[in-house]
Amino acid sequence: MPAIPRGDDGEPVFSAPWQAQAFAMAVEAHGKGLFTWKEWAEALGAALKDGDAEPGNDGYYGGWLTALETLLQRKRVVSESEIRERHDAWDRAARATPHGEPIVLGREDRP
């Protein structure tokens, strides 16, 4: 399984803000007792195996999101439809965001 990309100081590095957010959400969810590290490792391993991910690319942290969604659905924290709705909202917001600006959920609802 690929390791978390790290800088010279040993700290995790991210090529986009969403990657740091995915990392933080997984750590926070574990901290709240929503899953064990063993469960996380199994879910992440399965997501990375299916996604053909490598360290440092979007596929790697895409695997983090997939693993997190899988575990949160399995634990009944969120439903599949809630995740689908959030994906759709993100897609709409991304299309409504001018190039070079941060994507903000809800932007698609503004005039």
Protein backbone atom coordinates (compact mmCIF):
# COMPACT_ATOMS: atom_id res chain seq x y z
CA MET A 1 0.00 0.00 0.00
CA PRO A 2 1.38 3.48 -0.81
CA ALA A 3 2.55 5.59 2.11
CA ILE A 4 1.34 9.09 2.90
CA PRO A 5 3.44 11.55 0.89
CA ARG A 6 5.77 13.41 3.28
CA GLY A 7 8.03 16.43 3.00
CA ASP A 8 11.62 16.77 4.15
CA ASP A 9 10.40 17.53 7.67
CA GLY A 10 8.41 14.28 7.80
CA GLU A 11 5.05 16.06 7.79
CA PRO A 12 2.33 15.04 5.32
CA VAL A 13 2.26 17.07 2.10
CA PHE A 14 -0.73 17.75 -0.07
CA SER A 15 -0.92 19.06 -3.62
CA ALA A 16 -4.42 20.49 -3.15
CA PRO A 17 -6.46 21.72 -0.15
CA TRP A 18 -9.08 18.99 -0.57
CA GLN A 19 -6.40 16.36 0.05
CA ALA A 20 -5.55 17.89 3.44
CA GLN A 21 -9.26 18.06 4.22
CA ALA A 22 -9.75 14.38 3.34
CA PHE A 23 -6.81 13.49 5.57
CA ALA A 24 -8.16 15.63 8.43
CA MET A 25 -11.69 14.23 8.13
CA ALA A 26 -10.40 10.66 8.41
CA VAL A 27 -8.26 11.49 11.45
CA GLU A 28 -11.16 13.36 13.09
CA ALA A 29 -13.66 10.56 12.39
CA HIS A 30 -11.29 8.06 13.98
CA GLY A 31 -10.80 10.41 16.93
CA LYS A 32 -14.57 10.46 17.45
CA GLY A 33 -14.56 6.66 17.59
CA LEU A 34 -16.40 6.12 14.31
CA PHE A 35 -13.95 3.41 13.24
CA THR A 36 -10.75 1.73 14.35
CA TRP A 37 -7.40 2.12 12.60
CA LYS A 38 -7.67 -1.55 11.60
CA GLU A 39 -11.01 -0.85 9.90
CA TRP A 40 -9.48 2.24 8.27
CA ALA A 41 -6.47 0.33 6.97
CA GLU A 42 -8.70 -2.34 5.45
CA ALA A 43 -11.03 0.19 3.80
CA LEU A 44 -8.15 2.33 2.52
CA GLY A 45 -6.27 -0.70 1.24
CA ALA A 46 -9.35 -1.85 -0.67
CA ALA A 47 -9.94 1.63 -2.12
CA LEU A 48 -6.32 2.02 -3.21
CA LYS A 49 -6.26 -1.46 -4.72
CA ASP A 50 -9.40 -0.71 -6.72
CA GLY A 51 -8.23 2.80 -7.66
CA ASP A 52 -4.69 1.99 -8.82
CA ALA A 53 -3.41 4.98 -6.81
CA GLU A 54 0.13 6.21 -6.26
CA PRO A 55 1.47 8.55 -3.57
CA GLY A 56 1.18 12.23 -4.35
CA ASN A 57 -1.55 12.08 -6.95
CA ASP A 58 -5.27 12.70 -6.74
CA GLY A 59 -5.94 8.97 -6.90
CA TYR A 60 -4.22 8.41 -3.58
CA TYR A 61 -6.34 10.90 -1.67
CA GLY A 62 -9.31 9.93 -3.78
CA GLY A 63 -8.80 6.56 -2.11
CA TRP A 64 -8.99 8.32 1.26
CA LEU A 65 -12.35 9.80 0.31
CA THR A 66 -13.63 6.47 -0.96
CA ALA A 67 -12.51 4.70 2.22
CA LEU A 68 -14.06 7.39 4.40
CA GLU A 69 -17.37 7.29 2.52
CA THR A 70 -17.39 3.49 2.69
CA LEU A 71 -16.79 3.40 6.43
CA LEU A 72 -19.27 6.18 7.23
CA GLN A 73 -21.95 4.40 5.20
CA ARG A 74 -21.13 1.07 6.82
CA LYS A 75 -21.42 2.68 10.27
CA ARG A 76 -24.68 4.37 9.23
CA VAL A 77 -23.29 7.85 9.88
CA VAL A 78 -24.35 8.94 6.38
CA SER A 79 -26.48 7.29 3.74
CA GLU A 80 -25.58 6.56 0.16
CA SER A 81 -28.12 9.17 -0.96
CA GLU A 82 -26.55 11.83 1.30
CA ILE A 83 -23.15 11.15 -0.22
CA ARG A 84 -24.61 11.22 -3.73
CA GLU A 85 -26.31 14.56 -2.94
CA ARG A 86 -23.01 16.01 -1.69
CA HIS A 87 -21.19 14.78 -4.82
CA ASP A 88 -23.85 16.43 -6.98
CA ALA A 89 -23.63 19.69 -4.99
CA TRP A 90 -19.84 19.66 -5.35
CA ASP A 91 -20.11 19.12 -9.12
CA ARG A 92 -22.60 22.01 -9.46
CA ALA A 93 -20.41 24.29 -7.33
CA ALA A 94 -17.30 23.39 -9.34
CA ARG A 95 -19.06 24.22 -12.61
CA ALA A 96 -20.29 27.55 -11.16
CA THR A 97 -16.84 28.58 -9.89
CA PRO A 98 -14.72 30.87 -12.04
CA HIS A 99 -11.31 29.46 -12.93
CA GLY A 100 -8.70 30.09 -10.24
CA GLU A 101 -11.19 30.68 -7.42
CA PRO A 102 -11.82 28.24 -4.56
CA ILE A 103 -14.85 26.02 -4.94
CA VAL A 104 -17.53 26.88 -2.39
CA LEU A 105 -20.57 24.68 -1.84
CA GLY A 106 -23.71 26.71 -2.32
CA ARG A 107 -22.11 28.95 -4.93
CA GLU A 108 -24.28 27.31 -7.59
CA ASP A 109 -27.37 28.62 -5.75
CA ARG A 110 -26.23 32.26 -5.92
CA PRO A 111 -27.33 34.53 -8.76
